[in-house]
Amino acid sequence: MAGLLSLVILVLDIIAIVNVVQGKMSTGSKVLWIILILVLPVIGMVLYFLIGKKNA
């Protein structure tokens, strides 16, 4: 079960990173969001979809 949850988190993180790269933010903002998503996978992804996507 833990393996499936890890796979779901990985897929959602990849989707979040692709959204960041395709967004219209500045390069610095993109780098910061990607680092946040990579360092804190679950929290970073949730924060991006709640806060970052609205500001983009």
PDB file of N, CA and C in Angstrom:
ATOM      1  N   MET A   1       0.819  -1.196   0.000  1.00  0.00           N
ATOM      2  CA  MET A   1       0.000   0.000   0.000  1.00  0.00           C
ATOM      3  C   MET A   1       0.862   1.259   0.000  1.00  0.00           C
ATOM      4  N   ALA A   2       1.975   1.227   0.731  1.00  0.00           N
ATOM      5  CA  ALA A   2       2.862   2.394   0.789  1.00  0.00           C
ATOM      6  C   ALA A   2       3.485   2.654  -0.574  1.00  0.00           C
ATOM      7  N   GLY A   3       3.764   1.592  -1.314  1.00  0.00           N
ATOM      8  CA  GLY A   3       4.335   1.751  -2.647  1.00  0.00           C
ATOM      9  C   GLY A   3       3.379   2.443  -3.600  1.00  0.00           C
ATOM     10  N   LEU A   4       2.102   2.110  -3.495  1.00  0.00           N
ATOM     11  CA  LEU A   4       1.096   2.737  -4.350  1.00  0.00           C
ATOM     12  C   LEU A   4       0.936   4.213  -4.005  1.00  0.00           C
ATOM     13  N   LEU A   5       0.937   4.525  -2.723  1.00  0.00           N
ATOM     14  CA  LEU A   5       0.833   5.918  -2.287  1.00  0.00           C
ATOM     15  C   LEU A   5       2.043   6.720  -2.761  1.00  0.00           C
ATOM     16  N   SER A   6       3.223   6.130  -2.670  1.00  0.00           N
ATOM     17  CA  SER A   6       4.432   6.799  -3.145  1.00  0.00           C
ATOM     18  C   SER A   6       4.373   7.053  -4.646  1.00  0.00           C
ATOM     19  N   LEU A   7       3.845   6.113  -5.387  1.00  0.00           N
ATOM     20  CA  LEU A   7       3.715   6.277  -6.828  1.00  0.00           C
ATOM     21  C   LEU A   7       2.737   7.395  -7.169  1.00  0.00           C
ATOM     22  N   VAL A   8       1.632   7.476  -6.448  1.00  0.00           N
ATOM     23  CA  VAL A   8       0.647   8.536  -6.673  1.00  0.00           C
ATOM     24  C   VAL A   8       1.266   9.899  -6.377  1.00  0.00           C
ATOM     25  N   ILE A   9       2.015  10.003  -5.283  1.00  0.00           N
ATOM     26  CA  ILE A   9       2.673  11.265  -4.938  1.00  0.00           C
ATOM     27  C   ILE A   9       3.692  11.642  -6.002  1.00  0.00           C
ATOM     28  N   LEU A  10       4.445  10.674  -6.497  1.00  0.00           N
ATOM     29  CA  LEU A  10       5.427  10.937  -7.552  1.00  0.00           C
ATOM     30  C   LEU A  10       4.756  11.463  -8.808  1.00  0.00           C
ATOM     31  N   VAL A  11       3.678  10.842  -9.225  1.00  0.00           N
ATOM     32  CA  VAL A  11       2.961  11.275 -10.427  1.00  0.00           C
ATOM     33  C   VAL A  11       2.405  12.682 -10.240  1.00  0.00           C
ATOM     34  N   LEU A  12       1.818  12.965  -9.078  1.00  0.00           N
ATOM     35  CA  LEU A  12       1.272  14.294  -8.817  1.00  0.00           C
ATOM     36  C   LEU A  12       2.375  15.352  -8.754  1.00  0.00           C
ATOM     37  N   ASP A  13       3.540  14.986  -8.216  1.00  0.00           N
ATOM     38  CA  ASP A  13       4.665  15.918  -8.193  1.00  0.00           C
ATOM     39  C   ASP A  13       5.156  16.217  -9.604  1.00  0.00           C
ATOM     40  N   ILE A  14       5.207  15.215 -10.450  1.00  0.00           N
ATOM     41  CA  ILE A  14       5.622  15.427 -11.841  1.00  0.00           C
ATOM     42  C   ILE A  14       4.623  16.341 -12.550  1.00  0.00           C
ATOM     43  N   ILE A  15       3.352  16.136 -12.318  1.00  0.00           N
ATOM     44  CA  ILE A  15       2.327  17.009 -12.908  1.00  0.00           C
ATOM     45  C   ILE A  15       2.510  18.442 -12.416  1.00  0.00           C
ATOM     46  N   ALA A  16       2.764  18.618 -11.126  1.00  0.00           N
ATOM     47  CA  ALA A  16       2.971  19.959 -10.578  1.00  0.00           C
ATOM     48  C   ALA A  16       4.201  20.616 -11.193  1.00  0.00           C
ATOM     49  N   ILE A  17       5.291  19.869 -11.348  1.00  0.00           N
ATOM     50  CA  ILE A  17       6.506  20.433 -11.929  1.00  0.00           C
ATOM     51  C   ILE A  17       6.277  20.819 -13.387  1.00  0.00           C
ATOM     52  N   VAL A  18       5.572  19.998 -14.134  1.00  0.00           N
ATOM     53  CA  VAL A  18       5.256  20.335 -15.532  1.00  0.00           C
ATOM     54  C   VAL A  18       4.409  21.605 -15.582  1.00  0.00           C
ATOM     55  N   ASN A  19       3.444  21.738 -14.686  1.00  0.00           N
ATOM     56  CA  ASN A  19       2.627  22.953 -14.619  1.00  0.00           C
ATOM     57  C   ASN A  19       3.472  24.178 -14.306  1.00  0.00           C
ATOM     58  N   VAL A  20       4.438  24.024 -13.412  1.00  0.00           N
ATOM     59  CA  VAL A  20       5.326  25.140 -13.073  1.00  0.00           C
ATOM     60  C   VAL A  20       6.127  25.559 -14.298  1.00  0.00           C
ATOM     61  N   VAL A  21       6.705  24.594 -14.979  1.00  0.00           N
ATOM     62  CA  VAL A  21       7.550  24.895 -16.146  1.00  0.00           C
ATOM     63  C   VAL A  21       6.729  25.551 -17.256  1.00  0.00           C
ATOM     64  N   GLN A  22       5.504  25.131 -17.451  1.00  0.00           N
ATOM     65  CA  GLN A  22       4.664  25.690 -18.507  1.00  0.00           C
ATOM     66  C   GLN A  22       3.998  27.001 -18.117  1.00  0.00           C
ATOM     67  N   GLY A  23       4.085  27.380 -16.866  1.00  0.00           N
ATOM     68  CA  GLY A  23       3.433  28.590 -16.381  1.00  0.00           C
ATOM     69  C   GLY A  23       4.109  29.849 -16.897  1.00  0.00           C
ATOM     70  N   LYS A  24       3.472  30.982 -16.640  1.00  0.00           N
ATOM     71  CA  LYS A  24       3.958  32.270 -17.121  1.00  0.00           C
ATOM     72  C   LYS A  24       4.650  33.056 -16.014  1.00  0.00           C
ATOM     73  N   MET A  25       5.190  32.358 -15.023  1.00  0.00           N
ATOM     74  CA  MET A  25       5.911  33.005 -13.937  1.00  0.00           C
ATOM     75  C   MET A  25       7.322  33.355 -14.394  1.00  0.00           C
ATOM     76  N   SER A  26       7.997  34.149 -13.589  1.00  0.00           N
ATOM     77  CA  SER A  26       9.396  34.448 -13.875  1.00  0.00           C
ATOM     78  C   SER A  26      10.232  33.192 -13.629  1.00  0.00           C
ATOM     79  N   THR A  27      11.423  33.191 -14.179  1.00  0.00           N
ATOM     80  CA  THR A  27      12.302  32.030 -14.036  1.00  0.00           C
ATOM     81  C   THR A  27      12.648  31.784 -12.570  1.00  0.00           C
ATOM     82  N   GLY A  28      12.871  32.851 -11.818  1.00  0.00           N
ATOM     83  CA  GLY A  28      13.180  32.696 -10.395  1.00  0.00           C
ATOM     84  C   GLY A  28      12.049  32.039  -9.628  1.00  0.00           C
ATOM     85  N   SER A  29      10.825  32.442  -9.921  1.00  0.00           N
ATOM     86  CA  SER A  29       9.666  31.839  -9.256  1.00  0.00           C
ATOM     87  C   SER A  29       9.529  30.371  -9.620  1.00  0.00           C
ATOM     88  N   LYS A  30       9.769  30.060 -10.883  1.00  0.00           N
ATOM     89  CA  LYS A  30       9.691  28.661 -11.317  1.00  0.00           C
ATOM     90  C   LYS A  30      10.710  27.807 -10.576  1.00  0.00           C
ATOM     91  N   VAL A  31      11.932  28.313 -10.472  1.00  0.00           N
ATOM     92  CA  VAL A  31      12.990  27.559  -9.783  1.00  0.00           C
ATOM     93  C   VAL A  31      12.624  27.344  -8.319  1.00  0.00           C
ATOM     94  N   LEU A  32      12.122  28.381  -7.664  1.00  0.00           N
ATOM     95  CA  LEU A  32      11.745  28.248  -6.253  1.00  0.00           C
ATOM     96  C   LEU A  32      10.620  27.233  -6.059  1.00  0.00           C
ATOM     97  N   TRP A  33       9.607  27.258  -6.926  1.00  0.00           N
ATOM     98  CA  TRP A  33       8.510  26.291  -6.805  1.00  0.00           C
ATOM     99  C   TRP A  33       9.000  24.871  -7.052  1.00  0.00           C
ATOM    100  N   ILE A  34       9.858  24.698  -8.048  1.00  0.00           N
ATOM    101  CA  ILE A  34      10.372  23.347  -8.335  1.00  0.00           C
ATOM    102  C   ILE A  34      11.189  22.830  -7.159  1.00  0.00           C
ATOM    103  N   ILE A  35      12.038  23.680  -6.584  1.00  0.00           N
ATOM    104  CA  ILE A  35      12.816  23.259  -5.420  1.00  0.00           C
ATOM    105  C   ILE A  35      11.894  22.891  -4.261  1.00  0.00           C
ATOM    106  N   LEU A  36      10.873  23.697  -4.020  1.00  0.00           N
ATOM    107  CA  LEU A  36       9.926  23.414  -2.937  1.00  0.00           C
ATOM    108  C   LEU A  36       9.211  22.078  -3.167  1.00  0.00           C
ATOM    109  N   ILE A  37       8.814  21.823  -4.404  1.00  0.00           N
ATOM    110  CA  ILE A  37       8.125  20.568  -4.721  1.00  0.00           C
ATOM    111  C   ILE A  37       9.066  19.375  -4.552  1.00  0.00           C
ATOM    112  N   LEU A  38      10.326  19.536  -4.920  1.00  0.00           N
ATOM    113  CA  LEU A  38      11.276  18.429  -4.802  1.00  0.00           C
ATOM    114  C   LEU A  38      11.683  18.168  -3.353  1.00  0.00           C
ATOM    115  N   VAL A  39      11.838  19.227  -2.557  1.00  0.00           N
ATOM    116  CA  VAL A  39      12.279  19.060  -1.172  1.00  0.00           C
ATOM    117  C   VAL A  39      11.130  18.582  -0.276  1.00  0.00           C
ATOM    118  N   LEU A  40       9.952  19.145  -0.478  1.00  0.00           N
ATOM    119  CA  LEU A  40       8.769  18.772   0.310  1.00  0.00           C
ATOM    120  C   LEU A  40       7.684  18.302  -0.653  1.00  0.00           C
ATOM    121  N   PRO A  41       7.740  17.060  -1.100  1.00  0.00           N
ATOM    122  CA  PRO A  41       6.867  16.612  -2.189  1.00  0.00           C
ATOM    123  C   PRO A  41       5.374  16.840  -1.955  1.00  0.00           C
ATOM    124  N   VAL A  42       4.852  16.433  -0.843  1.00  0.00           N
ATOM    125  CA  VAL A  42       3.405  16.549  -0.619  1.00  0.00           C
ATOM    126  C   VAL A  42       3.031  17.997  -0.309  1.00  0.00           C
ATOM    127  N   ILE A  43       3.724  18.601   0.629  1.00  0.00           N
ATOM    128  CA  ILE A  43       3.409  19.979   1.028  1.00  0.00           C
ATOM    129  C   ILE A  43       3.661  20.947  -0.126  1.00  0.00           C
ATOM    130  N   GLY A  44       4.788  20.775  -0.822  1.00  0.00           N
ATOM    131  CA  GLY A  44       5.103  21.659  -1.937  1.00  0.00           C
ATOM    132  C   GLY A  44       4.075  21.587  -3.050  1.00  0.00           C
ATOM    133  N   MET A  45       3.635  20.384  -3.357  1.00  0.00           N
ATOM    134  CA  MET A  45       2.634  20.202  -4.408  1.00  0.00           C
ATOM    135  C   MET A  45       1.309  20.859  -4.010  1.00  0.00           C
ATOM    136  N   VAL A  46       0.887  20.630  -2.781  1.00  0.00           N
ATOM    137  CA  VAL A  46      -0.375  21.203  -2.314  1.00  0.00           C
ATOM    138  C   VAL A  46      -0.293  22.727  -2.304  1.00  0.00           C
ATOM    139  N   LEU A  47       0.809  23.271  -1.798  1.00  0.00           N
ATOM    140  CA  LEU A  47       0.979  24.724  -1.772  1.00  0.00           C
ATOM    141  C   LEU A  47       0.976  25.306  -3.183  1.00  0.00           C
ATOM    142  N   TYR A  48       1.623  24.628  -4.116  1.00  0.00           N
ATOM    143  CA  TYR A  48       1.641  25.151  -5.483  1.00  0.00           C
ATOM    144  C   TYR A  48       0.229  25.214  -6.052  1.00  0.00           C
ATOM    145  N   PHE A  49      -0.532  24.144  -5.907  1.00  0.00           N
ATOM    146  CA  PHE A  49      -1.872  24.129  -6.483  1.00  0.00           C
ATOM    147  C   PHE A  49      -2.833  25.076  -5.753  1.00  0.00           C
ATOM    148  N   LEU A  50      -2.584  25.369  -4.474  1.00  0.00           N
ATOM    149  CA  LEU A  50      -3.446  26.287  -3.726  1.00  0.00           C
ATOM    150  C   LEU A  50      -3.021  27.742  -3.888  1.00  0.00           C
ATOM    151  N   ILE A  51      -1.706  28.004  -3.884  1.00  0.00           N
ATOM    152  CA  ILE A  51      -1.209  29.377  -3.879  1.00  0.00           C
ATOM    153  C   ILE A  51      -0.549  29.753  -5.208  1.00  0.00           C
ATOM    154  N   GLY A  52       0.397  28.948  -5.635  1.00  0.00           N
ATOM    155  CA  GLY A  52       1.220  29.305  -6.786  1.00  0.00           C
ATOM    156  C   GLY A  52       0.465  29.366  -8.100  1.00  0.00           C
ATOM    157  N   LYS A  53      -0.433  28.452  -8.310  1.00  0.00           N
ATOM    158  CA  LYS A  53      -1.175  28.417  -9.574  1.00  0.00           C
ATOM    159  C   LYS A  53      -2.092  29.628  -9.708  1.00  0.00           C
ATOM    160  N   LYS A  54      -2.616  30.122  -8.595  1.00  0.00           N
ATOM    161  CA  LYS A  54      -3.478  31.306  -8.636  1.00  0.00           C
ATOM    162  C   LYS A  54      -2.680  32.558  -8.959  1.00  0.00           C
ATOM    163  N   ASN A  55      -1.442  32.628  -8.474  1.00  0.00           N
ATOM    164  CA  ASN A  55      -0.600  33.804  -8.695  1.00  0.00           C
ATOM    165  C   ASN A  55       0.087  33.784 -10.053  1.00  0.00           C
ATOM    166  N   ALA A  56       0.058  32.678 -10.740  1.00  0.00           N
ATOM    167  CA  ALA A  56       0.775  32.575 -12.015  1.00  0.00           C
ATOM    168  C   ALA A  56       0.057  33.302 -13.120  1.00  0.00           C
TER     169      ALA A  56
END
